[in-house]
Structures are given as structure tokens and as C-alpha cells.
Amino acid sequence: MEQLLEQIATYKKEIGAVTVSDAKGVEDFRIKYLGTKGIVKALMGEMKQVAAENKKEAGQLLNEFKQFVENKYEALKESASNGQEPATSALDLTLPGDSLPIGSRHPVILMRNRIVSIFQRLGFAVADGPEIEDDWHNFGALNLPEHHPARDMQDTFYVQQNPDWVLRTHTSNVQIREMEKGKLPVRVVIPGRVYRNETVSARSHCFFHQVEGLYIDEKVSFADLKQTLYFFVKEMYGKDVKVRFRPSYFPFTEPSAEMDVSCFICGGSGCNICKKTGWVEILGCGMVHPNVLTNCNIDPAKYTGFAFGMGIERPAMLKYGINDIRLFSENDLRFLKQFTSAT
């Protein structure tokens, strides 16, 4: 305890005689006395050597000493700032600025832009709409009335505040909104994020991205649909890709089909992405159901149309050789930096 008192008295005498004339002197004082390896910290560390019955008194003395040093530090700062000659700035404004790291587009955005650009060359415009949607635009107008069994195909996130609101399960809600405008013909592609209550795995996630397309006009046929999608696949994956159509069911199209392409990950030998089949389903499509046209006040006797929809993550997995969909949303820079120069 006596040794501590002697040290404090010595340092107070030393500090009282300190004078500085510039910012550097002030900073040197701070580092010597108040820094992480400074004298105040060192004295605080000596508390463990003080007898238990003296710790309270020693603590008060150290706190008073610390306050004394801090007051001196503030006084030195004010004195230096009021000096006749300003301290020399350590910042050289003539030096060039620091270079910023080059960012990159997310692989999902790269794929979305590529898909959209292909359809834009065919005359499709881009449309957008809300991600929180009412039941009519997400289900009812698409020939999915309440209690329709096809609703079970899409595990939906409902908004608690209003049972009529959902996180959209597809971007088809924007198809309905475009048709409701009554401006025909309609030829749009609709990119966006969608949500489904699915188990997260290498192949599926509770949210993902889609691009849907819609073309409504007089005398639109299934042949128009097939040629449009053939053009898209050849432009996206190359002229050697294999394509197949399989009959399917969607309540909003009739007839309906699934379109598959040969798996680029395994070359057709079978992997976890293609479920060991050598084929990957990339989109569903079909002719717009007459009931959907009627729901949007479009005469199905005069107008026909086709629609299609695809996830963006799955084509991106094929394009870039990615074997796990979860990588898209994990924000791992080691993964994302690979796409700095991707196109």
C-alpha cells in the first residue's frame, strides 16, 4: 500500500510538470499514461498485491489518480488546440485515394438478367408486382378456388394479420395483374422472388426466384409456345442440349407440360441434382386456361395464350456447375467472389 502511494505521488509530480505544444505531444501523453499499456493500467494491475483490508482505500486512490490524469489530458488538448501554430496534419490530400474492391453480381442476378435478355429479344417486356399478395391474385384468378386440391401442391406462408394475404408462391400473380389491365396483346416476362414452406435441402429452399412468361393474343398456339422455349434453351445452354416435353397438370393451363434439359452436372450419368435420371426439369408451361382468361375479362373465344415459369436457381446451378442450392443464400464470399467476372 505504501509503495502504491509513493508511485502515485511521484507520477502526480511528473504529470504536473508536463507541457506540450502540438497534437503529437498530446497523443504521446495519452499513450504513456492512459493507453492500454500505460501507467494507469499498470497501477490498476498492482491492486492484486494490496492487502484485502486496504483494497477499498487503494481503489479510491487509483480512481482519483485516473481522474487526475484524464483532467490533465483534456487540459493539454485544449492548450494545444489554442496554440498559435496549428499541428501539422498527418493526412496528405495530394495522395491518390484508396482503391475500392471490385464487387460482383450475385449468380442468381446474373442468371436472371441472362434469361430476361433472351426473351426481350423475342419482344417480351418486363413486368413486376407485389411479393405480399391477396388470395385472389395468387390463387383464385388462376383457377384455384378455395379448397381446390391443387392448392396442396404449394405449401404457402400466410400473413398472420390477414388470412387473405400470402407470400406469393409464384410470380403468376403478376400475370393476372397484367391481364386485368385489359391492354392486349400481352407479352411479358416476370422475374421475382417467391416463397414456399418447403424443407431446405440441396435441391430446394423456402424462398427462391422465378421468371414467368405470358403471351396473350389472337391465334396463339402450342406450337408458338414450343418454338419460343426451344429458342430460349438453345440460346441459354447451347445448340447441343437435349430437350424433352412431358405431359403435366397445372390448374391454370390446359394442356400443360414440363420441359426437361439434359443434366450438365453429371453429363446424363445421374447425380443428386437430376435425381439420378440424367434430366433436369427447368420449367412448366402450357396454354392459358379459358377460366383464367374469363377471370381477367378476356374473351377466350377470341384470344388464346401460353404461359411458362421456371426457377432461376436451377438453371444457374446447371450453368455454373453448382451442386447445392443453399450456397446461393449463405453469403459465403469464397463462393460469391467466383462470379466477379462472370457474364
Protein backbone atom coordinates (compact mmCIF):
# COMPACT_ATOMS: atom_id res chain seq x y z
CA MET A 1 0.00 0.00 0.00
CA GLU A 2 2.79 2.43 0.91
CA GLN A 3 4.62 1.61 -2.32
CA LEU A 4 1.46 2.39 -4.30
CA LEU A 5 1.09 5.73 -2.55
CA GLU A 6 4.69 6.63 -3.33
CA GLN A 7 4.23 5.75 -7.01
CA ILE A 8 1.07 7.85 -7.30
CA ALA A 9 2.76 10.84 -5.64
CA THR A 10 5.77 10.54 -7.99
CA TYR A 11 3.60 10.34 -11.11
CA LYS A 12 1.46 13.29 -10.00
CA LYS A 13 4.55 15.43 -9.62
CA GLU A 14 5.79 14.27 -13.05
CA ILE A 15 2.43 14.91 -14.73
CA GLY A 16 2.09 18.33 -13.19
CA ALA A 17 5.29 19.43 -14.95
CA VAL A 18 4.21 18.16 -18.40
CA THR A 19 3.70 20.76 -21.13
CA VAL A 20 3.03 20.19 -24.84
CA SER A 21 2.81 22.43 -27.88
CA ASP A 22 1.22 20.22 -30.52
CA ALA A 23 -1.16 17.32 -31.13
CA LYS A 24 1.69 14.83 -31.25
CA GLY A 25 2.74 15.72 -27.70
CA VAL A 26 -0.86 15.31 -26.52
CA GLU A 27 -1.09 11.88 -28.14
CA ASP A 28 2.24 10.82 -26.65
CA PHE A 29 0.92 11.80 -23.20
CA ARG A 30 -2.26 9.79 -23.73
CA ILE A 31 -0.38 6.68 -24.81
CA LYS A 32 2.12 6.90 -21.91
CA TYR A 33 -0.43 7.37 -19.15
CA LEU A 34 -3.88 6.29 -20.47
CA GLY A 35 -3.04 3.76 -23.17
CA THR A 36 -3.74 0.04 -22.92
CA LYS A 37 -0.15 -0.46 -21.78
CA GLY A 38 0.06 2.87 -19.98
CA ILE A 39 0.94 3.78 -16.40
CA VAL A 40 -2.67 3.97 -15.14
CA LYS A 41 -3.37 0.43 -16.36
CA ALA A 42 -0.15 -0.79 -14.78
CA LEU A 43 -1.05 0.71 -11.42
CA MET A 44 -4.51 -0.81 -11.60
CA GLY A 45 -2.85 -4.17 -12.09
CA GLU A 46 -0.98 -3.81 -8.82
CA MET A 47 -4.25 -3.92 -6.86
CA LYS A 48 -3.84 -7.67 -6.54
CA GLN A 49 -0.80 -7.10 -4.34
CA VAL A 50 -2.69 -4.87 -1.90
CA ALA A 51 -3.93 -6.47 1.30
CA ALA A 52 -7.65 -7.21 1.42
CA GLU A 53 -8.34 -4.71 4.19
CA ASN A 54 -6.72 -1.91 2.14
CA LYS A 55 -8.27 -2.66 -1.27
CA LYS A 56 -11.17 -0.23 -0.82
CA GLU A 57 -8.87 2.68 0.06
CA ALA A 58 -6.42 1.76 -2.70
CA GLY A 59 -9.25 1.61 -5.23
CA GLN A 60 -10.40 5.09 -4.34
CA LEU A 61 -6.86 6.44 -4.65
CA LEU A 62 -6.39 4.84 -8.08
CA ASN A 63 -9.70 6.20 -9.33
CA GLU A 64 -8.74 9.69 -8.12
CA PHE A 65 -5.37 9.34 -9.85
CA LYS A 66 -7.02 8.22 -13.08
CA GLN A 67 -9.35 11.23 -12.96
CA PHE A 68 -6.33 13.48 -12.32
CA VAL A 69 -4.58 12.11 -15.43
CA GLU A 70 -7.71 12.44 -17.59
CA ASN A 71 -8.18 16.06 -16.50
CA LYS A 72 -4.57 16.80 -17.36
CA TYR A 73 -5.05 15.14 -20.77
CA GLU A 74 -8.10 17.32 -21.54
CA ALA A 75 -6.22 20.44 -20.44
CA LEU A 76 -3.27 19.57 -22.70
CA LYS A 77 -5.63 19.02 -25.68
CA GLU A 78 -7.24 22.41 -25.16
CA SER A 79 -3.86 24.08 -24.76
CA ALA A 80 -2.53 22.52 -27.97
CA SER A 81 -5.64 23.47 -29.94
CA ASN A 82 -5.33 27.12 -28.80
CA GLY A 83 -1.67 27.37 -29.82
CA GLN A 84 -0.58 29.93 -32.43
CA GLU A 85 0.74 27.30 -34.86
CA PRO A 86 -1.71 24.53 -35.79
CA ALA A 87 -0.48 20.96 -35.60
CA THR A 88 0.70 19.52 -38.89
CA SER A 89 -1.93 17.21 -40.38
CA ALA A 90 -0.90 13.62 -40.93
CA LEU A 91 -3.28 13.48 -43.90
CA ASP A 92 -1.70 14.22 -47.27
CA LEU A 93 -4.55 15.37 -49.50
CA THR A 94 -2.36 15.12 -52.61
CA LEU A 95 -2.12 11.33 -52.38
CA PRO A 96 -4.43 9.25 -54.63
CA GLY A 97 -7.44 7.68 -52.93
CA ASP A 98 -7.55 4.09 -51.76
CA SER A 99 -8.84 1.72 -54.41
CA LEU A 100 -12.19 0.09 -53.72
CA PRO A 101 -12.55 -3.68 -54.06
CA ILE A 102 -14.36 -4.82 -57.18
CA GLY A 103 -17.78 -6.18 -56.35
CA SER A 104 -19.73 -8.76 -58.29
CA ARG A 105 -23.28 -9.57 -59.22
CA HIS A 106 -24.87 -12.49 -57.45
CA PRO A 107 -25.08 -15.62 -59.66
CA VAL A 108 -28.88 -15.57 -59.36
CA ILE A 109 -28.93 -12.00 -60.69
CA LEU A 110 -26.55 -12.95 -63.49
CA MET A 111 -28.87 -15.79 -64.50
CA ARG A 112 -32.00 -13.65 -64.17
CA ASN A 113 -30.53 -10.98 -66.43
CA ARG A 114 -29.49 -13.58 -68.99
CA ILE A 115 -32.92 -15.24 -69.05
CA VAL A 116 -34.75 -11.91 -69.33
CA SER A 117 -32.45 -10.67 -72.11
CA ILE A 118 -33.18 -13.75 -74.24
CA PHE A 119 -36.94 -13.22 -74.03
CA GLN A 120 -36.58 -9.49 -74.60
CA ARG A 121 -35.06 -10.34 -77.97
CA LEU A 122 -38.36 -12.07 -78.77
CA GLY A 123 -40.34 -8.94 -77.92
CA PHE A 124 -41.23 -9.69 -74.28
CA ALA A 125 -41.43 -6.73 -71.91
CA VAL A 126 -40.54 -6.99 -68.20
CA ALA A 127 -43.30 -6.74 -65.56
CA ASP A 128 -43.18 -6.67 -61.76
CA GLY A 129 -45.64 -6.92 -58.89
CA PRO A 130 -46.05 -7.32 -55.10
CA GLU A 131 -44.48 -10.14 -53.10
CA ILE A 132 -47.27 -9.96 -50.47
CA GLU A 133 -50.41 -10.82 -52.39
CA ASP A 134 -54.10 -11.38 -51.82
CA ASP A 135 -55.68 -14.79 -52.28
CA TRP A 136 -57.48 -13.83 -55.49
CA HIS A 137 -54.41 -12.85 -57.48
CA ASN A 138 -52.25 -15.66 -56.07
CA PHE A 139 -54.82 -18.46 -56.29
CA GLY A 140 -58.44 -17.64 -57.17
CA ALA A 141 -57.96 -15.96 -60.53
CA LEU A 142 -55.59 -18.77 -61.56
CA ASN A 143 -58.40 -21.34 -61.46
CA LEU A 144 -57.54 -22.34 -57.89
CA PRO A 145 -60.72 -21.65 -55.90
CA GLU A 146 -60.84 -22.22 -52.15
CA HIS A 147 -60.41 -25.89 -51.13
CA HIS A 148 -59.14 -26.79 -54.62
CA PRO A 149 -56.83 -29.83 -54.15
CA ALA A 150 -54.15 -28.25 -56.34
CA ARG A 151 -53.53 -25.71 -53.58
CA ASP A 152 -51.91 -28.53 -51.62
CA MET A 153 -49.15 -28.59 -54.27
CA GLN A 154 -47.89 -25.27 -52.94
CA ASP A 155 -47.15 -25.03 -49.20
CA THR A 156 -47.94 -21.41 -48.52
CA PHE A 157 -46.76 -18.84 -45.99
CA TYR A 158 -49.84 -16.93 -44.81
CA VAL A 159 -49.58 -13.46 -43.28
CA GLN A 160 -50.87 -13.65 -39.70
CA GLN A 161 -52.50 -10.19 -39.66
CA ASN A 162 -54.81 -11.08 -42.55
CA PRO A 163 -55.60 -14.67 -43.60
CA ASP A 164 -56.32 -13.41 -47.14
CA TRP A 165 -52.70 -12.28 -47.59
CA VAL A 166 -49.90 -14.64 -48.54
CA LEU A 167 -46.26 -14.50 -49.52
CA ARG A 168 -46.68 -15.19 -53.22
CA THR A 169 -45.94 -18.79 -54.21
CA HIS A 170 -45.19 -17.83 -57.83
CA THR A 171 -44.95 -14.70 -59.95
CA SER A 172 -48.19 -15.72 -61.68
CA ASN A 173 -49.91 -13.04 -59.58
CA VAL A 174 -48.30 -10.50 -61.90
CA GLN A 175 -49.70 -12.37 -64.93
CA ILE A 176 -53.18 -11.78 -63.53
CA ARG A 177 -52.47 -8.12 -62.85
CA GLU A 178 -51.16 -7.63 -66.38
CA MET A 179 -54.23 -9.29 -67.93
CA GLU A 180 -56.56 -7.24 -65.73
CA LYS A 181 -55.19 -4.07 -67.33
CA GLY A 182 -57.11 -5.05 -70.48
CA LYS A 183 -54.32 -3.95 -72.83
CA LEU A 184 -53.98 -6.70 -75.45
CA PRO A 185 -51.86 -8.28 -76.72
CA VAL A 186 -49.83 -9.08 -73.60
CA ARG A 187 -46.25 -10.33 -73.93
CA VAL A 188 -44.28 -10.12 -70.67
CA VAL A 189 -41.68 -11.91 -68.59
CA ILE A 190 -41.90 -11.60 -64.82
CA PRO A 191 -38.78 -12.13 -62.68
CA GLY A 192 -39.04 -12.09 -58.90
CA ARG A 193 -38.69 -13.81 -55.55
CA VAL A 194 -41.29 -16.34 -54.36
CA TYR A 195 -41.86 -18.25 -51.12
CA ARG A 196 -42.92 -21.79 -50.27
CA ASN A 197 -42.89 -23.65 -46.98
CA GLU A 198 -40.53 -26.39 -48.09
CA THR A 199 -37.79 -28.37 -46.35
CA VAL A 200 -34.40 -26.83 -47.11
CA SER A 201 -32.07 -29.24 -48.89
CA ALA A 202 -29.51 -29.32 -51.70
CA ARG A 203 -32.37 -29.04 -54.23
CA SER A 204 -34.99 -26.82 -52.57
CA HIS A 205 -35.31 -23.76 -50.32
CA CYS A 206 -38.13 -21.90 -48.55
CA PHE A 207 -37.60 -18.98 -50.91
CA PHE A 208 -36.29 -18.91 -54.45
CA HIS A 209 -36.50 -16.86 -57.65
CA GLN A 210 -38.64 -17.33 -60.73
CA VAL A 211 -39.06 -15.99 -64.21
CA GLU A 212 -42.53 -16.49 -65.67
CA GLY A 213 -43.72 -15.58 -69.13
CA LEU A 214 -47.11 -14.78 -70.62
CA TYR A 215 -48.24 -14.21 -74.20
CA ILE A 216 -51.88 -13.43 -74.96
CA ASP A 217 -53.09 -12.61 -78.47
CA GLU A 218 -55.33 -13.91 -81.21
CA LYS A 219 -54.44 -17.31 -82.68
CA VAL A 220 -51.61 -18.13 -80.27
CA SER A 221 -50.94 -21.90 -80.39
CA PHE A 222 -48.99 -24.58 -78.55
CA ALA A 223 -46.58 -24.59 -81.49
CA ASP A 224 -45.75 -20.96 -80.68
CA LEU A 225 -45.04 -22.00 -77.11
CA LYS A 226 -42.70 -24.81 -78.12
CA GLN A 227 -40.73 -22.73 -80.60
CA THR A 228 -40.35 -19.93 -78.05
CA LEU A 229 -38.96 -22.33 -75.46
CA TYR A 230 -36.74 -24.14 -77.97
CA PHE A 231 -35.19 -20.78 -78.85
CA PHE A 232 -34.67 -19.98 -75.17
CA VAL A 233 -32.98 -23.31 -74.36
CA LYS A 234 -30.64 -23.19 -77.36
CA GLU A 235 -29.62 -19.62 -76.53
CA MET A 236 -29.16 -20.42 -72.84
CA TYR A 237 -27.41 -23.80 -72.94
CA GLY A 238 -26.11 -24.17 -76.47
CA LYS A 239 -27.30 -25.93 -79.59
CA ASP A 240 -26.23 -29.40 -78.39
CA VAL A 241 -28.51 -29.51 -75.36
CA LYS A 242 -31.20 -32.19 -75.36
CA VAL A 243 -34.80 -31.19 -74.63
CA ARG A 244 -37.91 -33.17 -73.83
CA PHE A 245 -41.53 -32.27 -73.05
CA ARG A 246 -43.65 -34.36 -70.68
CA PRO A 247 -47.42 -34.04 -70.15
CA SER A 248 -48.25 -32.49 -66.79
CA TYR A 249 -51.04 -30.78 -64.88
CA PHE A 250 -51.40 -27.16 -63.81
CA PRO A 251 -54.84 -25.75 -62.95
CA PHE A 252 -54.11 -22.50 -64.80
CA THR A 253 -53.03 -24.06 -68.13
CA GLU A 254 -54.58 -26.68 -70.42
CA PRO A 255 -52.86 -28.56 -71.98
CA SER A 256 -49.83 -28.42 -69.68
CA ALA A 257 -46.29 -29.76 -69.94
CA GLU A 258 -42.98 -29.98 -68.11
CA MET A 259 -39.80 -29.25 -70.06
CA ASP A 260 -36.55 -31.00 -69.17
CA VAL A 261 -32.97 -30.49 -70.35
CA SER A 262 -30.08 -32.89 -70.15
CA CYS A 263 -28.14 -32.51 -66.89
CA PHE A 264 -24.90 -30.56 -67.28
CA ILE A 265 -23.61 -31.54 -63.82
CA CYS A 266 -23.25 -35.26 -64.48
CA GLY A 267 -23.49 -35.37 -68.27
CA GLY A 268 -26.52 -37.65 -68.05
CA SER A 269 -24.95 -40.33 -65.82
CA GLY A 270 -27.06 -39.36 -62.78
CA CYS A 271 -26.43 -37.15 -59.72
CA ASN A 272 -28.29 -35.64 -56.76
CA ILE A 273 -29.38 -32.65 -58.85
CA CYS A 274 -31.08 -34.71 -61.57
CA LYS A 275 -32.27 -37.41 -59.14
CA LYS A 276 -30.12 -39.97 -60.96
CA THR A 277 -32.17 -39.61 -64.16
CA GLY A 278 -29.82 -37.56 -66.32
CA TRP A 279 -32.59 -34.97 -66.87
CA VAL A 280 -33.39 -31.75 -65.03
CA GLU A 281 -36.83 -30.19 -65.12
CA ILE A 282 -36.34 -26.48 -65.75
CA LEU A 283 -39.85 -25.16 -66.33
CA GLY A 284 -43.55 -25.82 -66.55
CA CYS A 285 -45.70 -24.45 -69.32
CA GLY A 286 -49.00 -24.69 -71.16
CA MET A 287 -51.83 -22.87 -72.85
CA VAL A 288 -53.62 -20.39 -70.58
CA HIS A 289 -56.81 -21.99 -69.24
CA PRO A 290 -60.02 -20.38 -70.59
CA ASN A 291 -61.22 -19.90 -66.99
CA VAL A 292 -58.18 -17.74 -66.25
CA LEU A 293 -58.89 -15.58 -69.31
CA THR A 294 -62.52 -15.23 -68.23
CA ASN A 295 -61.50 -14.26 -64.70
CA CYS A 296 -59.49 -11.41 -66.22
CA ASN A 297 -62.32 -10.26 -68.53
CA ILE A 298 -60.63 -11.60 -71.68
CA ASP A 299 -62.81 -13.39 -74.24
CA PRO A 300 -61.43 -16.97 -74.56
CA ALA A 301 -63.33 -17.38 -77.86
CA LYS A 302 -61.22 -14.62 -79.41
CA TYR A 303 -57.93 -14.76 -77.53
CA THR A 304 -55.59 -17.57 -76.59
CA GLY A 305 -52.20 -17.57 -74.98
CA PHE A 306 -49.42 -19.50 -73.39
CA ALA A 307 -47.58 -19.21 -70.09
CA PHE A 308 -44.42 -20.70 -68.66
CA GLY A 309 -42.48 -20.46 -65.43
CA MET A 310 -39.03 -21.51 -64.27
CA GLY A 311 -36.91 -21.21 -61.17
CA ILE A 312 -33.74 -19.19 -61.61
CA GLU A 313 -31.58 -21.11 -59.16
CA ARG A 314 -31.82 -24.41 -61.03
CA PRO A 315 -30.66 -23.05 -64.41
CA ALA A 316 -27.90 -21.20 -62.54
CA MET A 317 -26.81 -24.47 -60.95
CA LEU A 318 -26.60 -26.04 -64.39
CA LYS A 319 -24.88 -23.06 -65.96
CA TYR A 320 -22.18 -22.65 -63.30
CA GLY A 321 -21.84 -26.25 -62.09
CA ILE A 322 -23.23 -25.62 -58.58
CA ASN A 323 -24.42 -28.71 -56.72
CA ASP A 324 -26.19 -27.19 -53.68
CA ILE A 325 -28.93 -24.53 -53.84
CA ARG A 326 -28.17 -23.39 -50.29
CA LEU A 327 -24.92 -21.80 -51.46
CA PHE A 328 -26.94 -19.01 -53.12
CA SER A 329 -28.17 -17.65 -49.77
CA GLU A 330 -25.29 -18.38 -47.37
CA ASN A 331 -23.36 -15.16 -48.21
CA ASP A 332 -20.06 -17.01 -48.34
CA LEU A 333 -17.58 -14.65 -50.02
CA ARG A 334 -15.45 -17.57 -51.15
CA PHE A 335 -18.41 -18.68 -53.25
CA LEU A 336 -19.59 -15.26 -54.41
CA LYS A 337 -16.15 -13.98 -55.47
CA GLN A 338 -16.04 -16.64 -58.18
CA PHE A 339 -18.60 -14.62 -60.16
CA THR A 340 -16.72 -11.30 -60.22
CA SER A 341 -16.10 -11.57 -63.95
CA ALA A 342 -18.96 -13.94 -64.81
CA THR A 343 -21.38 -12.92 -67.54
